[in-house]
N, C-alpha and C. Protein backbone atom coordinates (compact mmCIF):
# COMPACT_ATOMS: atom_id res chain seq x y z
N UNK A 1 0.85 -1.20 0.00
CA UNK A 1 0.00 0.00 0.00
C UNK A 1 0.88 1.25 0.00
N UNK A 2 0.43 2.26 -0.70
CA UNK A 2 1.18 3.51 -0.81
C UNK A 2 0.28 4.66 -0.37
N UNK A 3 0.76 5.46 0.60
CA UNK A 3 0.07 6.66 1.04
C UNK A 3 0.84 7.88 0.54
N UNK A 4 0.16 8.80 -0.13
CA UNK A 4 0.78 10.03 -0.63
C UNK A 4 0.15 11.20 0.12
N UNK A 5 0.92 11.82 1.00
CA UNK A 5 0.36 12.76 1.95
C UNK A 5 -0.15 14.04 1.30
N UNK A 6 0.54 14.53 0.27
CA UNK A 6 0.10 15.81 -0.30
C UNK A 6 -1.10 15.66 -1.23
N UNK A 7 -1.69 14.47 -1.30
CA UNK A 7 -2.95 14.31 -2.01
C UNK A 7 -4.08 15.03 -1.29
N UNK A 8 -3.89 15.27 0.02
CA UNK A 8 -4.85 16.02 0.80
C UNK A 8 -4.19 17.32 1.27
N UNK A 9 -4.96 18.40 1.29
CA UNK A 9 -4.43 19.68 1.74
C UNK A 9 -4.18 19.65 3.25
N UNK A 10 -2.98 20.07 3.64
CA UNK A 10 -2.63 20.16 5.06
C UNK A 10 -1.41 21.05 5.20
N UNK A 11 -1.01 21.32 6.44
CA UNK A 11 0.17 22.15 6.69
C UNK A 11 1.43 21.48 6.16
N UNK A 12 1.39 20.16 5.94
CA UNK A 12 2.54 19.47 5.36
C UNK A 12 2.98 20.14 4.06
N UNK A 13 2.01 20.59 3.27
CA UNK A 13 2.33 21.16 1.95
C UNK A 13 3.18 22.42 2.06
N UNK A 14 3.01 23.17 3.14
CA UNK A 14 3.83 24.36 3.33
C UNK A 14 5.29 23.98 3.60
N UNK A 15 5.48 22.99 4.47
CA UNK A 15 6.84 22.56 4.78
C UNK A 15 7.51 21.97 3.53
N UNK A 16 6.75 21.21 2.75
CA UNK A 16 7.30 20.65 1.52
C UNK A 16 7.66 21.74 0.53
N UNK A 17 6.81 22.76 0.42
CA UNK A 17 7.09 23.87 -0.50
C UNK A 17 8.39 24.57 -0.10
N UNK A 18 8.60 24.77 1.20
CA UNK A 18 9.82 25.43 1.66
C UNK A 18 11.04 24.54 1.41
N UNK A 19 10.89 23.23 1.57
CA UNK A 19 12.01 22.32 1.29
C UNK A 19 12.40 22.36 -0.18
N UNK A 20 11.46 22.59 -1.06
CA UNK A 20 11.74 22.64 -2.50
C UNK A 20 12.28 24.00 -2.94
N UNK A 21 11.96 25.05 -2.24
CA UNK A 21 12.26 26.42 -2.65
C UNK A 21 13.76 26.71 -2.56
N UNK A 22 14.40 27.00 -3.71
CA UNK A 22 15.85 27.15 -3.72
C UNK A 22 16.32 28.37 -2.94
N UNK A 23 15.45 29.36 -2.73
CA UNK A 23 15.83 30.52 -1.94
C UNK A 23 15.80 30.18 -0.44
N UNK A 24 14.75 29.53 0.00
CA UNK A 24 14.65 29.14 1.41
C UNK A 24 15.71 28.09 1.75
N UNK A 25 16.10 27.29 0.76
CA UNK A 25 17.14 26.27 0.98
C UNK A 25 18.48 26.88 1.38
N UNK A 26 18.66 28.17 1.14
CA UNK A 26 19.93 28.82 1.49
C UNK A 26 20.12 28.93 3.00
N UNK A 27 19.07 28.71 3.77
CA UNK A 27 19.13 28.72 5.23
C UNK A 27 19.16 27.28 5.72
N UNK A 28 20.35 26.71 6.00
CA UNK A 28 20.43 25.30 6.40
C UNK A 28 19.65 24.98 7.68
N UNK A 29 19.60 25.95 8.60
CA UNK A 29 18.86 25.71 9.83
C UNK A 29 17.38 25.47 9.54
N UNK A 30 16.81 26.33 8.69
CA UNK A 30 15.39 26.16 8.35
C UNK A 30 15.18 24.88 7.55
N UNK A 31 16.12 24.55 6.68
CA UNK A 31 16.00 23.32 5.89
C UNK A 31 15.96 22.10 6.81
N UNK A 32 16.89 22.04 7.77
CA UNK A 32 16.92 20.91 8.69
C UNK A 32 15.65 20.85 9.53
N UNK A 33 15.18 22.03 9.97
CA UNK A 33 13.96 22.05 10.80
C UNK A 33 12.75 21.59 10.00
N UNK A 34 12.69 21.94 8.71
CA UNK A 34 11.58 21.46 7.89
C UNK A 34 11.65 19.96 7.66
N UNK A 35 12.85 19.41 7.51
CA UNK A 35 12.99 17.95 7.44
C UNK A 35 12.43 17.31 8.71
N UNK A 36 12.74 17.92 9.84
CA UNK A 36 12.27 17.40 11.12
C UNK A 36 10.75 17.48 11.22
N UNK A 37 10.20 18.62 10.80
CA UNK A 37 8.76 18.81 10.93
C UNK A 37 7.95 17.86 10.05
N UNK A 38 8.43 17.59 8.84
CA UNK A 38 7.69 16.63 8.01
C UNK A 38 7.83 15.23 8.58
N UNK A 39 8.95 14.93 9.25
CA UNK A 39 9.08 13.66 9.95
C UNK A 39 8.04 13.53 11.05
N UNK A 40 7.79 14.61 11.77
CA UNK A 40 6.78 14.60 12.83
C UNK A 40 5.38 14.32 12.26
N UNK A 41 5.07 14.97 11.13
CA UNK A 41 3.75 14.76 10.52
C UNK A 41 3.61 13.31 10.06
N UNK A 42 4.65 12.76 9.46
CA UNK A 42 4.57 11.37 9.00
C UNK A 42 4.45 10.41 10.18
N UNK A 43 5.16 10.71 11.27
CA UNK A 43 5.07 9.86 12.46
C UNK A 43 3.63 9.81 12.97
N UNK A 44 2.99 10.96 12.98
CA UNK A 44 1.60 11.03 13.42
C UNK A 44 0.70 10.18 12.52
N UNK A 45 0.87 10.31 11.21
CA UNK A 45 0.04 9.55 10.28
C UNK A 45 0.27 8.04 10.42
N UNK A 46 1.53 7.64 10.54
CA UNK A 46 1.85 6.22 10.68
C UNK A 46 1.29 5.66 11.99
N UNK A 47 1.29 6.48 13.04
CA UNK A 47 0.82 6.00 14.35
C UNK A 47 -0.64 5.56 14.31
N UNK A 48 -1.41 6.07 13.35
CA UNK A 48 -2.82 5.69 13.25
C UNK A 48 -3.00 4.23 12.85
N UNK A 49 -1.94 3.60 12.32
CA UNK A 49 -2.05 2.22 11.85
C UNK A 49 -1.66 1.21 12.92
N UNK A 50 -1.19 1.65 14.06
CA UNK A 50 -0.74 0.74 15.11
C UNK A 50 -1.92 0.11 15.84
N UNK A 51 -1.62 -0.90 16.63
CA UNK A 51 -2.63 -1.53 17.47
C UNK A 51 -2.67 -0.82 18.82
N UNK A 52 -3.89 -0.50 19.28
CA UNK A 52 -4.07 0.23 20.53
C UNK A 52 -4.91 -0.59 21.51
N UNK A 53 -4.69 -0.36 22.79
CA UNK A 53 -5.52 -0.98 23.83
C UNK A 53 -5.79 0.03 24.93
N UNK A 54 -6.83 -0.25 25.71
CA UNK A 54 -7.26 0.67 26.76
C UNK A 54 -6.37 0.55 27.99
N UNK A 55 -6.03 1.67 28.57
CA UNK A 55 -5.27 1.73 29.82
C UNK A 55 -5.95 2.72 30.76
N UNK A 56 -5.47 2.75 31.97
CA UNK A 56 -5.97 3.71 32.96
C UNK A 56 -4.79 4.50 33.53
N UNK A 57 -4.98 5.81 33.68
CA UNK A 57 -3.97 6.65 34.32
C UNK A 57 -4.64 7.46 35.43
N UNK A 58 -3.88 7.67 36.47
CA UNK A 58 -4.39 8.42 37.62
C UNK A 58 -4.09 9.90 37.43
N UNK A 59 -5.11 10.71 37.32
CA UNK A 59 -4.94 12.16 37.27
C UNK A 59 -4.99 12.71 38.70
N UNK A 60 -4.73 13.98 38.92
CA UNK A 60 -4.86 14.54 40.27
C UNK A 60 -6.29 14.48 40.80
N UNK A 61 -7.28 14.26 39.90
CA UNK A 61 -8.68 14.24 40.31
C UNK A 61 -9.24 12.84 40.40
N UNK A 62 -9.03 12.03 39.35
CA UNK A 62 -9.64 10.70 39.30
C UNK A 62 -8.89 9.86 38.28
N UNK A 63 -9.40 8.67 38.00
CA UNK A 63 -8.79 7.78 37.02
C UNK A 63 -9.38 8.08 35.64
N UNK A 64 -8.50 8.20 34.64
CA UNK A 64 -8.92 8.46 33.26
C UNK A 64 -8.64 7.25 32.39
N UNK A 65 -9.56 6.95 31.50
CA UNK A 65 -9.36 5.89 30.51
C UNK A 65 -8.65 6.46 29.29
N UNK A 66 -7.59 5.79 28.86
CA UNK A 66 -6.84 6.23 27.68
C UNK A 66 -6.59 5.03 26.78
N UNK A 67 -6.28 5.31 25.53
CA UNK A 67 -5.89 4.25 24.60
C UNK A 67 -4.48 4.53 24.10
N UNK A 68 -3.60 3.56 24.31
CA UNK A 68 -2.19 3.73 23.98
C UNK A 68 -1.76 2.61 23.03
N UNK A 69 -0.76 2.93 22.20
CA UNK A 69 -0.24 1.94 21.25
C UNK A 69 0.49 0.83 21.97
N UNK A 70 0.29 -0.39 21.51
CA UNK A 70 0.97 -1.55 22.08
C UNK A 70 2.30 -1.83 21.38
N UNK A 71 2.48 -1.26 20.18
CA UNK A 71 3.63 -1.63 19.36
C UNK A 71 4.93 -0.97 19.82
N UNK A 72 6.01 -1.73 19.75
CA UNK A 72 7.34 -1.16 19.91
C UNK A 72 7.85 -0.72 18.54
N UNK A 73 8.64 0.35 18.55
CA UNK A 73 9.06 0.98 17.29
C UNK A 73 10.58 1.05 17.21
N UNK A 74 11.11 0.84 16.01
CA UNK A 74 12.50 1.13 15.69
C UNK A 74 12.51 2.05 14.47
N UNK A 75 13.19 3.18 14.58
CA UNK A 75 13.34 4.11 13.46
C UNK A 75 14.72 3.90 12.85
N UNK A 76 14.77 3.60 11.57
CA UNK A 76 16.03 3.37 10.87
C UNK A 76 16.19 4.41 9.77
N UNK A 77 17.36 5.01 9.69
CA UNK A 77 17.59 6.02 8.66
C UNK A 77 18.92 5.81 7.95
N UNK A 78 18.96 6.30 6.72
CA UNK A 78 20.16 6.22 5.90
C UNK A 78 20.93 7.53 6.09
N UNK A 79 22.18 7.43 6.52
CA UNK A 79 23.01 8.61 6.74
C UNK A 79 23.38 9.23 5.39
N UNK A 80 23.54 10.58 5.31
CA UNK A 80 23.49 11.52 6.40
C UNK A 80 22.26 12.41 6.34
N UNK A 81 21.66 12.46 5.15
CA UNK A 81 20.49 13.32 4.97
C UNK A 81 19.34 12.90 5.87
N UNK A 82 19.34 11.64 6.28
CA UNK A 82 18.23 11.14 7.07
C UNK A 82 18.23 11.60 8.51
N UNK A 83 19.29 12.25 8.99
CA UNK A 83 19.38 12.56 10.42
C UNK A 83 18.30 13.52 10.90
N UNK A 84 18.07 14.68 10.28
CA UNK A 84 16.99 15.55 10.76
C UNK A 84 15.61 14.91 10.59
N UNK A 85 15.41 14.20 9.50
CA UNK A 85 14.16 13.48 9.26
C UNK A 85 13.93 12.46 10.36
N UNK A 86 14.97 11.71 10.69
CA UNK A 86 14.96 10.73 11.77
C UNK A 86 14.54 11.38 13.10
N UNK A 87 15.10 12.55 13.38
CA UNK A 87 14.79 13.24 14.63
C UNK A 87 13.31 13.59 14.72
N UNK A 88 12.70 13.94 13.59
CA UNK A 88 11.27 14.22 13.59
C UNK A 88 10.45 13.03 14.07
N UNK A 89 10.82 11.84 13.63
CA UNK A 89 10.13 10.63 14.08
C UNK A 89 10.39 10.37 15.56
N UNK A 90 11.62 10.61 16.01
CA UNK A 90 11.95 10.40 17.42
C UNK A 90 11.20 11.38 18.32
N UNK A 91 10.90 12.57 17.82
CA UNK A 91 10.16 13.53 18.62
C UNK A 91 8.80 12.98 19.02
N UNK A 92 8.21 12.15 18.17
CA UNK A 92 6.90 11.57 18.46
C UNK A 92 7.01 10.16 19.04
N UNK A 93 7.88 9.35 18.47
CA UNK A 93 8.10 8.00 19.00
C UNK A 93 9.32 8.04 19.92
N UNK A 94 9.15 8.71 21.07
CA UNK A 94 10.31 9.05 21.90
C UNK A 94 10.84 7.88 22.71
N UNK A 95 10.19 6.74 22.64
CA UNK A 95 10.70 5.55 23.32
C UNK A 95 11.19 4.50 22.33
N UNK A 96 11.33 4.89 21.09
CA UNK A 96 11.70 3.92 20.07
C UNK A 96 13.20 3.67 20.08
N UNK A 97 13.59 2.55 19.48
CA UNK A 97 15.00 2.29 19.22
C UNK A 97 15.40 2.95 17.91
N UNK A 98 16.70 3.01 17.65
CA UNK A 98 17.19 3.64 16.42
C UNK A 98 18.18 2.71 15.73
N UNK A 99 18.08 2.68 14.42
CA UNK A 99 19.05 1.96 13.58
C UNK A 99 19.61 2.95 12.57
N UNK A 100 20.89 2.78 12.23
CA UNK A 100 21.55 3.69 11.29
C UNK A 100 22.27 2.89 10.21
N UNK A 101 22.14 3.38 8.99
CA UNK A 101 22.70 2.70 7.82
C UNK A 101 23.63 3.67 7.12
N UNK A 102 24.86 3.27 6.93
CA UNK A 102 25.82 4.07 6.18
C UNK A 102 25.89 3.52 4.76
N UNK A 103 25.35 4.29 3.81
CA UNK A 103 25.29 3.84 2.42
C UNK A 103 25.63 5.00 1.50
N UNK A 104 26.12 4.66 0.32
CA UNK A 104 26.48 5.71 -0.64
C UNK A 104 26.42 5.14 -2.05
N UNK A 105 26.29 6.07 -3.00
CA UNK A 105 26.36 5.67 -4.40
C UNK A 105 27.83 5.60 -4.84
N UNK A 106 28.20 4.54 -5.49
CA UNK A 106 29.52 4.41 -6.09
C UNK A 106 29.33 4.48 -7.60
N UNK A 107 29.69 5.66 -8.19
CA UNK A 107 29.47 5.87 -9.61
C UNK A 107 30.54 5.17 -10.45
N UNK A 108 30.12 4.72 -11.62
CA UNK A 108 31.04 4.09 -12.56
C UNK A 108 31.70 5.16 -13.42
N UNK A 109 32.54 4.76 -14.35
CA UNK A 109 33.36 5.71 -15.10
C UNK A 109 32.53 6.70 -15.91
N UNK A 110 31.31 6.31 -16.30
CA UNK A 110 30.49 7.23 -17.09
C UNK A 110 29.80 8.28 -16.21
N UNK A 111 29.97 8.18 -14.88
CA UNK A 111 29.42 9.13 -13.91
C UNK A 111 27.89 9.16 -13.91
N UNK A 112 27.27 8.16 -14.51
CA UNK A 112 25.81 8.05 -14.53
C UNK A 112 25.36 6.78 -13.83
N UNK A 113 25.86 5.63 -14.29
CA UNK A 113 25.53 4.36 -13.64
C UNK A 113 26.25 4.26 -12.30
N UNK A 114 25.60 3.59 -11.35
CA UNK A 114 26.21 3.45 -10.03
C UNK A 114 25.71 2.18 -9.35
N UNK A 115 26.42 1.80 -8.29
CA UNK A 115 25.96 0.73 -7.42
C UNK A 115 25.89 1.26 -6.00
N UNK A 116 25.10 0.60 -5.16
CA UNK A 116 24.94 1.02 -3.77
C UNK A 116 25.98 0.31 -2.92
N UNK A 117 26.77 1.09 -2.20
CA UNK A 117 27.77 0.54 -1.29
C UNK A 117 27.30 0.75 0.16
N UNK A 118 27.28 -0.32 0.93
CA UNK A 118 26.93 -0.23 2.34
C UNK A 118 28.20 -0.39 3.16
N UNK A 119 28.49 0.63 3.99
CA UNK A 119 29.67 0.58 4.82
C UNK A 119 29.39 -0.10 6.16
N UNK A 120 28.23 0.19 6.76
CA UNK A 120 27.91 -0.40 8.06
C UNK A 120 26.43 -0.22 8.37
N UNK A 121 25.91 -1.10 9.21
CA UNK A 121 24.55 -1.02 9.70
C UNK A 121 24.56 -1.30 11.19
N UNK A 122 23.90 -0.43 11.95
CA UNK A 122 23.77 -0.61 13.39
C UNK A 122 22.29 -0.67 13.72
N UNK A 123 21.83 -1.76 14.32
CA UNK A 123 20.41 -1.89 14.59
C UNK A 123 20.15 -2.67 15.88
N UNK A 124 19.14 -2.29 16.66
CA UNK A 124 18.68 -3.13 17.75
C UNK A 124 17.83 -4.26 17.18
N UNK A 125 17.29 -5.11 18.03
CA UNK A 125 16.39 -6.17 17.57
C UNK A 125 15.16 -5.56 16.91
N UNK A 126 14.76 -6.16 15.80
CA UNK A 126 13.55 -5.73 15.09
C UNK A 126 12.40 -6.71 15.26
N UNK A 127 12.63 -7.80 15.95
CA UNK A 127 11.65 -8.87 16.05
C UNK A 127 10.32 -8.38 16.62
N UNK A 128 9.27 -8.55 15.81
CA UNK A 128 7.93 -8.23 16.25
C UNK A 128 7.63 -6.75 16.42
N UNK A 129 8.51 -5.89 15.93
CA UNK A 129 8.34 -4.45 16.13
C UNK A 129 7.87 -3.77 14.85
N UNK A 130 7.48 -2.52 14.99
CA UNK A 130 7.19 -1.68 13.84
C UNK A 130 8.49 -1.03 13.41
N UNK A 131 8.95 -1.33 12.19
CA UNK A 131 10.17 -0.74 11.66
C UNK A 131 9.80 0.42 10.76
N UNK A 132 10.35 1.59 11.07
CA UNK A 132 10.16 2.78 10.24
C UNK A 132 11.49 3.06 9.53
N UNK A 133 11.54 2.74 8.26
CA UNK A 133 12.75 2.94 7.45
C UNK A 133 12.59 4.27 6.72
N UNK A 134 13.32 5.29 7.17
CA UNK A 134 13.05 6.66 6.72
C UNK A 134 14.26 7.21 5.96
N UNK A 135 13.97 7.83 4.82
CA UNK A 135 15.00 8.44 3.98
C UNK A 135 14.33 9.59 3.24
N UNK A 136 14.86 10.82 3.30
CA UNK A 136 14.15 11.96 2.71
C UNK A 136 13.79 11.77 1.25
N UNK A 137 14.68 11.18 0.45
CA UNK A 137 14.45 11.08 -0.98
C UNK A 137 14.44 9.62 -1.41
N UNK A 138 13.38 9.21 -2.06
CA UNK A 138 13.26 7.87 -2.63
C UNK A 138 13.37 8.01 -4.14
N UNK A 139 14.59 7.83 -4.65
CA UNK A 139 14.85 8.07 -6.08
C UNK A 139 14.65 6.78 -6.87
N UNK A 140 15.68 5.96 -7.01
CA UNK A 140 15.53 4.71 -7.75
C UNK A 140 14.90 3.62 -6.91
N UNK A 141 15.00 3.74 -5.59
CA UNK A 141 14.49 2.71 -4.70
C UNK A 141 15.49 1.61 -4.40
N UNK A 142 16.62 1.60 -5.12
CA UNK A 142 17.59 0.51 -4.98
C UNK A 142 18.17 0.43 -3.58
N UNK A 143 18.56 1.57 -3.00
CA UNK A 143 19.21 1.54 -1.69
C UNK A 143 18.24 1.11 -0.61
N UNK A 144 16.98 1.49 -0.71
CA UNK A 144 16.00 1.12 0.31
C UNK A 144 15.74 -0.38 0.29
N UNK A 145 15.64 -0.96 -0.89
CA UNK A 145 15.41 -2.41 -0.99
C UNK A 145 16.56 -3.18 -0.36
N UNK A 146 17.79 -2.78 -0.68
CA UNK A 146 18.96 -3.46 -0.10
C UNK A 146 19.02 -3.21 1.41
N UNK A 147 18.75 -1.98 1.83
CA UNK A 147 18.77 -1.66 3.26
C UNK A 147 17.75 -2.48 4.03
N UNK A 148 16.58 -2.65 3.46
CA UNK A 148 15.53 -3.45 4.11
C UNK A 148 16.02 -4.87 4.37
N UNK A 149 16.58 -5.50 3.36
CA UNK A 149 17.03 -6.89 3.53
C UNK A 149 18.22 -6.98 4.49
N UNK A 150 19.11 -6.01 4.45
CA UNK A 150 20.25 -6.01 5.36
C UNK A 150 19.80 -5.81 6.82
N UNK A 151 18.84 -4.93 7.03
CA UNK A 151 18.32 -4.73 8.38
C UNK A 151 17.69 -6.00 8.93
N UNK A 152 16.90 -6.69 8.11
CA UNK A 152 16.27 -7.93 8.56
C UNK A 152 17.30 -9.02 8.82
N UNK A 153 18.36 -9.02 8.01
CA UNK A 153 19.41 -10.02 8.19
C UNK A 153 20.07 -9.86 9.56
N UNK A 154 20.27 -8.61 9.99
CA UNK A 154 20.95 -8.36 11.25
C UNK A 154 20.00 -8.27 12.44
N UNK A 155 18.80 -7.70 12.23
CA UNK A 155 17.93 -7.40 13.36
C UNK A 155 16.75 -8.32 13.55
N UNK A 156 16.49 -9.21 12.59
CA UNK A 156 15.33 -10.08 12.70
C UNK A 156 14.14 -9.49 11.95
N UNK A 157 13.02 -10.19 12.04
CA UNK A 157 11.85 -9.82 11.23
C UNK A 157 10.88 -8.95 12.03
N UNK A 158 10.63 -7.74 11.54
CA UNK A 158 9.66 -6.86 12.21
C UNK A 158 8.23 -7.31 11.93
N UNK A 159 7.31 -6.82 12.76
CA UNK A 159 5.90 -7.07 12.53
C UNK A 159 5.44 -6.42 11.24
N UNK A 160 5.88 -5.17 11.01
CA UNK A 160 5.52 -4.43 9.81
C UNK A 160 6.59 -3.38 9.56
N UNK A 161 6.80 -3.06 8.31
CA UNK A 161 7.78 -2.03 7.95
C UNK A 161 7.09 -0.89 7.21
N UNK A 162 7.38 0.33 7.66
CA UNK A 162 6.86 1.53 7.02
C UNK A 162 8.05 2.26 6.39
N UNK A 163 8.06 2.37 5.08
CA UNK A 163 9.10 3.10 4.36
C UNK A 163 8.59 4.52 4.14
N UNK A 164 9.31 5.50 4.68
CA UNK A 164 8.84 6.88 4.65
C UNK A 164 9.84 7.76 3.92
N UNK A 165 9.34 8.55 2.96
CA UNK A 165 10.17 9.50 2.21
C UNK A 165 9.40 10.80 2.04
N UNK A 166 10.14 11.90 1.97
CA UNK A 166 9.50 13.20 1.78
C UNK A 166 9.05 13.36 0.33
N UNK A 167 9.95 13.04 -0.61
CA UNK A 167 9.62 13.07 -2.03
C UNK A 167 10.12 11.77 -2.66
N UNK A 168 9.29 11.17 -3.49
CA UNK A 168 9.65 9.93 -4.18
C UNK A 168 9.49 10.10 -5.68
N UNK A 169 10.26 9.33 -6.42
CA UNK A 169 10.01 9.25 -7.86
C UNK A 169 9.00 8.14 -8.12
N UNK A 170 8.29 8.26 -9.22
CA UNK A 170 7.37 7.18 -9.59
C UNK A 170 8.13 5.88 -9.78
N UNK A 171 9.32 5.96 -10.38
CA UNK A 171 10.13 4.76 -10.61
C UNK A 171 10.51 4.10 -9.29
N UNK A 172 10.89 4.90 -8.29
CA UNK A 172 11.28 4.35 -6.99
C UNK A 172 10.13 3.67 -6.29
N UNK A 173 8.95 4.29 -6.33
CA UNK A 173 7.77 3.68 -5.71
C UNK A 173 7.44 2.36 -6.39
N UNK A 174 7.49 2.35 -7.73
CA UNK A 174 7.17 1.13 -8.47
C UNK A 174 8.18 0.03 -8.16
N UNK A 175 9.46 0.40 -8.03
CA UNK A 175 10.49 -0.61 -7.76
C UNK A 175 10.27 -1.27 -6.40
N UNK A 176 10.01 -0.45 -5.38
CA UNK A 176 9.81 -1.01 -4.04
C UNK A 176 8.53 -1.84 -4.00
N UNK A 177 7.48 -1.34 -4.64
CA UNK A 177 6.22 -2.08 -4.67
C UNK A 177 6.40 -3.46 -5.27
N UNK A 178 7.19 -3.55 -6.33
CA UNK A 178 7.42 -4.84 -6.96
C UNK A 178 8.40 -5.70 -6.17
N UNK A 179 9.52 -5.10 -5.74
CA UNK A 179 10.56 -5.87 -5.06
C UNK A 179 10.11 -6.41 -3.71
N UNK A 180 9.23 -5.69 -3.03
CA UNK A 180 8.79 -6.09 -1.68
C UNK A 180 7.32 -6.43 -1.64
N UNK A 181 6.77 -6.88 -2.76
CA UNK A 181 5.33 -7.13 -2.85
C UNK A 181 4.86 -8.24 -1.92
N UNK A 182 5.74 -9.15 -1.55
CA UNK A 182 5.36 -10.24 -0.66
C UNK A 182 5.73 -9.97 0.80
N UNK A 183 6.21 -8.78 1.09
CA UNK A 183 6.63 -8.40 2.43
C UNK A 183 5.57 -7.51 3.08
N UNK A 184 5.49 -7.52 4.43
CA UNK A 184 4.54 -6.62 5.13
C UNK A 184 5.10 -5.20 5.18
N UNK A 185 4.94 -4.48 4.06
CA UNK A 185 5.55 -3.16 3.89
C UNK A 185 4.50 -2.16 3.41
N UNK A 186 4.54 -0.96 3.98
CA UNK A 186 3.72 0.16 3.52
C UNK A 186 4.65 1.31 3.16
N UNK A 187 4.37 1.99 2.06
CA UNK A 187 5.15 3.16 1.63
C UNK A 187 4.38 4.43 1.98
N UNK A 188 5.07 5.36 2.64
CA UNK A 188 4.52 6.67 2.95
C UNK A 188 5.40 7.72 2.28
N UNK A 189 4.81 8.55 1.47
CA UNK A 189 5.60 9.59 0.82
C UNK A 189 4.82 10.90 0.80
N UNK A 190 5.54 11.99 0.94
CA UNK A 190 4.90 13.28 0.93
C UNK A 190 4.43 13.69 -0.44
N UNK A 191 5.16 13.27 -1.48
CA UNK A 191 4.81 13.62 -2.85
C UNK A 191 5.49 12.62 -3.79
N UNK A 192 4.92 12.45 -4.97
CA UNK A 192 5.51 11.61 -6.00
C UNK A 192 5.78 12.48 -7.23
N UNK A 193 7.06 12.56 -7.63
CA UNK A 193 7.45 13.25 -8.85
C UNK A 193 7.65 12.21 -9.96
N UNK A 194 7.35 12.59 -11.17
CA UNK A 194 7.27 11.61 -12.25
C UNK A 194 8.60 11.30 -12.93
N UNK A 195 9.63 12.11 -12.71
CA UNK A 195 10.85 11.94 -13.51
C UNK A 195 12.10 11.79 -12.64
N UNK A 196 13.11 11.14 -13.24
CA UNK A 196 14.47 11.09 -12.70
C UNK A 196 15.41 11.70 -13.74
N UNK A 197 16.44 12.40 -13.28
CA UNK A 197 17.45 12.92 -14.20
C UNK A 197 18.37 11.78 -14.63
N UNK A 198 19.29 12.07 -15.57
CA UNK A 198 20.25 11.05 -16.00
C UNK A 198 21.10 10.56 -14.84
N UNK A 199 21.33 11.42 -13.85
CA UNK A 199 22.13 11.04 -12.68
C UNK A 199 21.27 10.45 -11.57
N UNK A 200 20.01 10.16 -11.89
CA UNK A 200 19.07 9.52 -10.96
C UNK A 200 18.73 10.39 -9.75
N UNK A 201 18.63 11.70 -9.98
CA UNK A 201 18.05 12.59 -8.98
C UNK A 201 16.60 12.86 -9.37
N UNK A 202 15.75 13.03 -8.36
CA UNK A 202 14.33 13.25 -8.61
C UNK A 202 14.12 14.63 -9.23
N UNK A 203 13.28 14.69 -10.26
CA UNK A 203 12.97 15.92 -10.98
C UNK A 203 11.47 16.19 -10.87
N UNK A 204 11.03 17.32 -10.26
CA UNK A 204 11.82 18.46 -9.77
C UNK A 204 12.49 18.21 -8.42
N UNK A 205 11.94 17.35 -7.60
CA UNK A 205 12.59 16.97 -6.35
C UNK A 205 12.89 18.11 -5.42
N UNK A 206 14.02 17.97 -4.72
CA UNK A 206 14.48 18.96 -3.75
C UNK A 206 15.91 19.39 -4.05
N UNK A 207 16.68 18.47 -4.62
CA UNK A 207 18.13 18.65 -4.73
C UNK A 207 18.79 17.62 -3.84
N UNK A 208 20.04 17.86 -3.51
CA UNK A 208 20.78 16.95 -2.63
C UNK A 208 20.47 17.32 -1.18
N UNK A 209 19.60 16.55 -0.54
CA UNK A 209 19.16 16.89 0.81
C UNK A 209 20.31 16.88 1.81
N UNK A 210 21.26 15.97 1.63
CA UNK A 210 22.40 15.91 2.54
C UNK A 210 23.25 17.15 2.46
N UNK A 211 23.55 17.60 1.23
CA UNK A 211 24.35 18.81 1.06
C UNK A 211 23.62 20.04 1.59
N UNK A 212 22.31 20.12 1.36
CA UNK A 212 21.54 21.27 1.80
C UNK A 212 21.45 21.32 3.32
N UNK A 213 21.42 20.17 3.96
CA UNK A 213 21.31 20.13 5.42
C UNK A 213 22.65 20.33 6.12
N UNK A 214 23.74 19.79 5.52
CA UNK A 214 25.01 19.74 6.25
C UNK A 214 26.21 20.31 5.50
N UNK A 215 26.00 20.81 4.28
CA UNK A 215 27.10 21.35 3.50
C UNK A 215 27.57 20.36 2.46
N UNK A 216 28.16 20.88 1.39
CA UNK A 216 28.59 20.04 0.28
C UNK A 216 29.72 19.12 0.71
N UNK A 217 29.64 17.87 0.29
CA UNK A 217 30.66 16.87 0.59
C UNK A 217 31.76 16.89 -0.46
N UNK A 218 32.93 16.43 -0.06
CA UNK A 218 34.05 16.36 -1.01
C UNK A 218 33.88 15.16 -1.93
């Protein structure tokens, strides 16, 4: 299943517009904060799919009935652009575990074709938990598919996996839908753009989210 958040009007669209705006992008602090804020909105939307049960809490006056989520959560992000996005999810799922994936594109001599290189993965147990695999940009989908399988290899099998991206390409969504069609996976994306450039960046997209958040890499 695929959820596209900007299909409905909400404050999310303002944050997305600012993330795309090349003038506002000149302020790295605001860019990082907008990454965080869209992470918070997605966390809220994803939380609606969890299993809840009734509990009781003692207020200063009397006992109140509440409904709380039963699921344990692990938030996994791909470094480095994923860090502010990751923090947005942690702001809402403040008792969750965290997993981090160090991955990069290794371009071939033509500077267009590339392969995904994974340097390291750090993850707590994923067994029976809700895994939130978050990455600001879902371009080809190749790195997310590999990251998913590597996380399960090291951390065990989660109850359900939610793949969350701020902007996705149609090609990336289609790739994940096909590659993980037999897996308990839901895709959440803020918007779907129809094109990829020759270098496999989303068009119109946002640009290089990592560089915009933390400065250009060598």
